[in-house]
Amino acid sequence: MPASWKKRLISYLFEYESLFRNRTKKFFDKVEKYSLGILKSQMRNIERIIEELQIDYNQMQHFITESKWYARANVDHVASKVSYVLPKRKLIC
């Protein structure tokens, strides 16, 4: 993949930065790394991702399994974007 794909991915993910936090912590740096790892690694599991990106296993494991970010806000944000781009339909009752 060309090097510009990383910039495009991070630019796209930046729109979601405010959703990857809780009241005391921000998790966006982990979101960037995890997303890059999923795209770069042939084996899409945490062990291969941390090897590929040379990042701390414990931090990434904690982010994936324990971090309390606002998942509902992410789902709502994506749903509203999808709803906006889909053609409008009339309800038939």
C-alpha atoms as a PDB file:
ATOM      1  CA  MET A   1       0.000   0.000   0.000  1.00  0.00           C
ATOM      2  CA  PRO A   2       1.209   3.528  -0.683  1.00  0.00           C
ATOM      3  CA  ALA A   3       2.363   5.589   2.295  1.00  0.00           C
ATOM      4  CA  SER A   4      -0.516   8.027   1.817  1.00  0.00           C
ATOM      5  CA  TRP A   5      -3.053   5.447   3.023  1.00  0.00           C
ATOM      6  CA  LYS A   6      -1.874   5.992   6.605  1.00  0.00           C
ATOM      7  CA  LYS A   7      -2.503   9.722   6.370  1.00  0.00           C
ATOM      8  CA  ARG A   8      -5.931   9.137   4.831  1.00  0.00           C
ATOM      9  CA  LEU A   9      -6.876   6.626   7.516  1.00  0.00           C
ATOM     10  CA  ILE A  10      -5.774   8.885  10.361  1.00  0.00           C
ATOM     11  CA  SER A  11      -7.565  11.816   8.762  1.00  0.00           C
ATOM     12  CA  TYR A  12     -10.742   9.730   8.537  1.00  0.00           C
ATOM     13  CA  LEU A  13     -10.414   8.464  12.109  1.00  0.00           C
ATOM     14  CA  PHE A  14      -9.814  11.987  13.428  1.00  0.00           C
ATOM     15  CA  GLU A  15     -13.521  12.669  12.986  1.00  0.00           C
ATOM     16  CA  TYR A  16     -14.124  10.089  15.732  1.00  0.00           C
ATOM     17  CA  GLU A  17     -11.465  11.344  18.142  1.00  0.00           C
ATOM     18  CA  SER A  18     -13.913  12.912  20.568  1.00  0.00           C
ATOM     19  CA  LEU A  19     -15.794   9.611  20.835  1.00  0.00           C
ATOM     20  CA  PHE A  20     -12.775   7.641  22.037  1.00  0.00           C
ATOM     21  CA  ARG A  21     -12.470   9.074  25.503  1.00  0.00           C
ATOM     22  CA  ASN A  22     -14.112   8.848  28.846  1.00  0.00           C
ATOM     23  CA  ARG A  23     -14.295  11.429  31.593  1.00  0.00           C
ATOM     24  CA  THR A  24     -10.605  11.196  32.460  1.00  0.00           C
ATOM     25  CA  LYS A  25      -8.701   9.610  29.562  1.00  0.00           C
ATOM     26  CA  LYS A  26      -8.281   9.851  25.815  1.00  0.00           C
ATOM     27  CA  PHE A  27      -7.769   6.668  23.788  1.00  0.00           C
ATOM     28  CA  PHE A  28      -7.354   8.011  20.280  1.00  0.00           C
ATOM     29  CA  ASP A  29      -3.656   7.124  20.027  1.00  0.00           C
ATOM     30  CA  LYS A  30      -4.634   3.479  20.613  1.00  0.00           C
ATOM     31  CA  VAL A  31      -7.416   3.733  18.026  1.00  0.00           C
ATOM     32  CA  GLU A  32      -4.910   4.910  15.415  1.00  0.00           C
ATOM     33  CA  LYS A  33      -2.434   2.155  16.241  1.00  0.00           C
ATOM     34  CA  TYR A  34      -5.044  -0.597  16.391  1.00  0.00           C
ATOM     35  CA  SER A  35      -6.618   0.483  13.088  1.00  0.00           C
ATOM     36  CA  LEU A  36      -3.230   0.630  11.362  1.00  0.00           C
ATOM     37  CA  GLY A  37      -2.361  -2.761  12.791  1.00  0.00           C
ATOM     38  CA  ILE A  38      -5.562  -4.362  11.529  1.00  0.00           C
ATOM     39  CA  LEU A  39      -4.872  -3.078   8.038  1.00  0.00           C
ATOM     40  CA  LYS A  40      -1.149  -3.922   7.989  1.00  0.00           C
ATOM     41  CA  SER A  41      -1.125  -7.321   9.659  1.00  0.00           C
ATOM     42  CA  GLN A  42      -1.967 -10.437   7.679  1.00  0.00           C
ATOM     43  CA  MET A  43      -2.986 -12.168  10.916  1.00  0.00           C
ATOM     44  CA  ARG A  44      -5.472  -9.828  12.528  1.00  0.00           C
ATOM     45  CA  ASN A  45      -4.970 -10.626  16.183  1.00  0.00           C
ATOM     46  CA  ILE A  46      -3.458  -8.527  18.912  1.00  0.00           C
ATOM     47  CA  GLU A  47      -0.186 -10.452  19.056  1.00  0.00           C
ATOM     48  CA  ARG A  48       0.525  -9.918  15.349  1.00  0.00           C
ATOM     49  CA  ILE A  49      -0.582  -6.292  15.485  1.00  0.00           C
ATOM     50  CA  ILE A  50       1.789  -5.407  18.311  1.00  0.00           C
ATOM     51  CA  GLU A  51       4.630  -7.216  16.535  1.00  0.00           C
ATOM     52  CA  GLU A  52       3.907  -5.360  13.304  1.00  0.00           C
ATOM     53  CA  LEU A  53       3.767  -1.935  14.954  1.00  0.00           C
ATOM     54  CA  GLN A  54       6.196  -2.577  17.836  1.00  0.00           C
ATOM     55  CA  ILE A  55       3.841  -1.291  20.501  1.00  0.00           C
ATOM     56  CA  ASP A  56       3.200  -2.289  24.119  1.00  0.00           C
ATOM     57  CA  TYR A  57       1.050  -5.425  24.420  1.00  0.00           C
ATOM     58  CA  ASN A  58      -0.433  -4.536  27.812  1.00  0.00           C
ATOM     59  CA  GLN A  59      -1.570  -1.090  26.745  1.00  0.00           C
ATOM     60  CA  MET A  60      -3.233  -2.424  23.595  1.00  0.00           C
ATOM     61  CA  GLN A  61      -4.825  -5.341  25.446  1.00  0.00           C
ATOM     62  CA  HIS A  62      -6.230  -2.944  28.028  1.00  0.00           C
ATOM     63  CA  PHE A  63      -7.594  -0.644  25.325  1.00  0.00           C
ATOM     64  CA  ILE A  64      -9.377  -3.508  23.561  1.00  0.00           C
ATOM     65  CA  THR A  65     -10.767  -5.296  26.601  1.00  0.00           C
ATOM     66  CA  GLU A  66     -11.064  -2.807  29.465  1.00  0.00           C
ATOM     67  CA  SER A  67     -11.273   0.789  28.239  1.00  0.00           C
ATOM     68  CA  LYS A  68     -14.583   2.478  28.977  1.00  0.00           C
ATOM     69  CA  TRP A  69     -15.034   4.776  25.991  1.00  0.00           C
ATOM     70  CA  TYR A  70     -18.407   5.764  24.641  1.00  0.00           C
ATOM     71  CA  ALA A  71     -19.297   2.894  22.309  1.00  0.00           C
ATOM     72  CA  ARG A  72     -22.905   4.037  21.938  1.00  0.00           C
ATOM     73  CA  ALA A  73     -21.752   7.454  20.718  1.00  0.00           C
ATOM     74  CA  ASN A  74     -19.630   5.774  18.028  1.00  0.00           C
ATOM     75  CA  VAL A  75     -22.535   3.634  16.844  1.00  0.00           C
ATOM     76  CA  ASP A  76     -24.861   6.660  16.768  1.00  0.00           C
ATOM     77  CA  HIS A  77     -22.317   8.755  14.866  1.00  0.00           C
ATOM     78  CA  VAL A  78     -21.778   6.092  12.198  1.00  0.00           C
ATOM     79  CA  ALA A  79     -25.538   5.484  11.916  1.00  0.00           C
ATOM     80  CA  SER A  80     -26.200   9.174  11.329  1.00  0.00           C
ATOM     81  CA  LYS A  81     -23.498   9.359   8.637  1.00  0.00           C
ATOM     82  CA  VAL A  82     -24.879   6.285   6.877  1.00  0.00           C
ATOM     83  CA  SER A  83     -28.413   7.614   7.120  1.00  0.00           C
ATOM     84  CA  TYR A  84     -27.289  10.890   5.564  1.00  0.00           C
ATOM     85  CA  VAL A  85     -25.691   9.284   2.498  1.00  0.00           C
ATOM     86  CA  LEU A  86     -28.380   6.690   1.815  1.00  0.00           C
ATOM     87  CA  PRO A  87     -31.238   7.706  -0.457  1.00  0.00           C
ATOM     88  CA  LYS A  88     -34.391   8.746   1.351  1.00  0.00           C
ATOM     89  CA  ARG A  89     -37.292   6.316   1.194  1.00  0.00           C
ATOM     90  CA  LYS A  90     -40.960   6.646   1.781  1.00  0.00           C
ATOM     91  CA  LEU A  91     -42.408   4.383   4.415  1.00  0.00           C
ATOM     92  CA  ILE A  92     -45.132   2.106   3.127  1.00  0.00           C
ATOM     93  CA  CYS A  93     -47.572   1.016   5.791  1.00  0.00           C
END
